[in-house]
Protein backbone atom coordinates (compact mmCIF):
# COMPACT_ATOMS: atom_id res chain seq x y z
CA MET A 1 -129.26 109.74 143.37
CA SER A 2 -131.82 110.48 141.23
CA VAL A 3 -134.43 113.36 141.58
CA ARG A 4 -137.11 110.56 141.54
CA SER A 5 -135.45 108.68 144.44
CA LEU A 6 -135.53 111.68 146.34
CA SER A 7 -139.15 112.62 145.59
CA ILE A 8 -140.44 111.72 149.33
CA HIS A 9 -143.59 114.00 149.11
CA LYS A 10 -146.78 113.98 147.38
CA VAL A 11 -148.76 117.08 146.44
CA THR A 12 -151.78 118.37 144.49
CA ILE A 13 -151.06 121.20 141.96
CA GLN A 14 -154.10 123.55 141.44
CA TYR A 15 -154.92 125.97 138.79
CA GLN A 16 -157.11 129.14 139.32
CA THR A 17 -160.23 129.47 137.09
CA GLN A 18 -162.89 132.36 137.41
CA THR A 19 -166.66 131.89 136.35
CA ALA A 20 -169.04 134.74 136.18
CA ASP A 21 -172.89 134.10 137.61
CA VAL A 22 -175.70 135.50 135.92
CA TYR A 23 -175.01 138.86 137.75
CA GLY A 24 -171.49 139.22 136.48
CA THR A 25 -170.06 138.46 139.58
CA PHE A 26 -166.57 136.33 139.28
CA THR A 27 -166.02 133.62 141.45
CA THR A 28 -162.61 132.20 141.97
CA THR A 29 -162.06 128.29 141.96
CA TRP A 30 -159.13 126.15 142.53
CA THR A 31 -159.01 122.92 140.50
CA ALA A 32 -156.63 120.01 140.62
CA ARG A 33 -154.15 119.98 137.49
CA TYR A 34 -152.14 116.97 139.33
CA THR A 35 -152.86 114.86 142.40
CA ASP A 36 -150.50 112.78 144.27
CA MET A 37 -147.42 114.16 142.20
CA PRO A 38 -144.07 112.93 143.49
CA CYS A 39 -141.80 115.68 144.44
CA ARG A 40 -139.22 116.98 147.25
CA ILE A 41 -139.95 120.19 148.96
CA VAL A 42 -136.94 121.81 150.99
CA PRO A 43 -137.02 125.00 152.95
CA MET A 44 -134.62 127.60 151.17
CA SER A 45 -131.38 128.89 153.02
CA GLY A 46 -131.40 132.11 154.00
CA GLU A 47 -128.79 133.03 151.24
CA GLN A 48 -131.03 131.60 148.63
CA ARG A 49 -134.18 133.54 150.09
CA ALA A 50 -132.08 136.77 149.86
CA ILE A 51 -131.20 136.00 146.14
CA TYR A 52 -134.98 135.83 145.25
CA ASN A 53 -135.90 138.66 147.56
CA LYS A 54 -133.61 140.89 145.44
CA GLU A 55 -135.50 139.83 142.28
CA ASN A 56 -138.91 141.09 144.11
CA THR A 57 -139.69 137.33 144.36
CA VAL A 58 -140.70 136.33 147.98
CA ALA A 59 -139.58 132.79 148.49
CA THR A 60 -139.76 130.27 151.13
CA HIS A 61 -138.90 126.80 149.78
CA ILE A 62 -137.80 124.91 146.53
CA MET A 63 -139.86 121.89 145.02
CA PHE A 64 -137.96 119.47 142.71
CA VAL A 65 -140.09 117.67 140.39
CA PRO A 66 -138.79 114.69 138.57
CA THR A 67 -139.79 114.24 134.66
CA PRO A 68 -140.83 117.49 133.53
CA ALA A 69 -142.73 116.26 130.38
CA THR A 70 -145.21 114.42 132.72
CA TYR A 71 -146.01 117.56 134.50
CA SER A 72 -145.34 120.32 131.81
CA GLY A 73 -148.67 122.05 132.82
CA ILE A 74 -147.03 123.49 135.95
CA VAL A 75 -146.89 127.27 135.40
CA GLU A 76 -146.37 130.35 137.80
CA ASN A 77 -149.42 131.27 139.93
CA ASP A 78 -150.49 127.69 140.43
CA LYS A 79 -150.57 126.50 143.95
CA VAL A 80 -149.18 123.57 145.59
CA VAL A 81 -151.08 121.73 148.38
CA TYR A 82 -149.12 119.55 150.73
CA GLY A 83 -151.12 118.28 153.47
CA SER A 84 -152.57 121.21 155.41
CA ARG A 85 -149.62 123.62 153.63
CA THR A 86 -150.48 125.66 150.71
CA PHE A 87 -147.79 127.11 148.59
CA HIS A 88 -147.90 129.55 145.80
CA ILE A 89 -145.79 129.14 142.69
CA GLU A 90 -143.47 132.08 141.96
CA LEU A 91 -141.00 130.59 139.07
CA VAL A 92 -140.89 127.27 137.24
CA ARG A 93 -137.36 126.28 136.28
CA ASN A 94 -136.46 123.75 133.94
CA ILE A 95 -132.84 123.78 134.58
CA ASP A 96 -130.36 123.87 131.62
CA GLU A 97 -133.41 122.96 129.29
CA TRP A 98 -132.26 119.15 129.76
CA ASN A 99 -135.89 118.06 130.95
CA HIS A 100 -134.31 116.10 133.73
CA HIS A 101 -136.21 118.09 136.63
CA TYR A 102 -138.21 121.03 137.20
CA GLU A 103 -136.88 123.37 140.31
CA ILE A 104 -139.92 125.35 141.22
CA ILE A 105 -139.81 128.21 143.44
CA LEU A 106 -142.62 128.42 146.03
CA ARG A 107 -144.10 130.92 148.54
CA GLU A 108 -145.63 129.42 151.74
CA LEU A 109 -149.21 130.95 152.11
CA LYS A 110 -150.48 131.56 155.46
CA ASP A 111 -154.08 130.25 155.89
CA GLY A 112 -154.22 129.64 152.27
CA ILE A 113 -153.68 133.15 151.25
């Protein structure tokens, strides 16, 4: 089975920009990098979470993304929006650098924070 055939979710990837007003006050805005991106989001097992927590990374889910070349702009600190749920991207992994798929480590945010 291919990663693409298992991609049952559609998400929006957002990146953060900051703009200053005339007074020098910065406003944070989240802008869509990709919309309707196919992927699969799965909760991490307790063992997987423990491994990442040892590395000082709070992780709750893994997202699998087919065709990394198409979505090469995804980076750490982007957000994933899936319906009413929001996730922070902790780590982007191109497994074995084969460009087969990304494994993206996520932390689910409560109330978008």
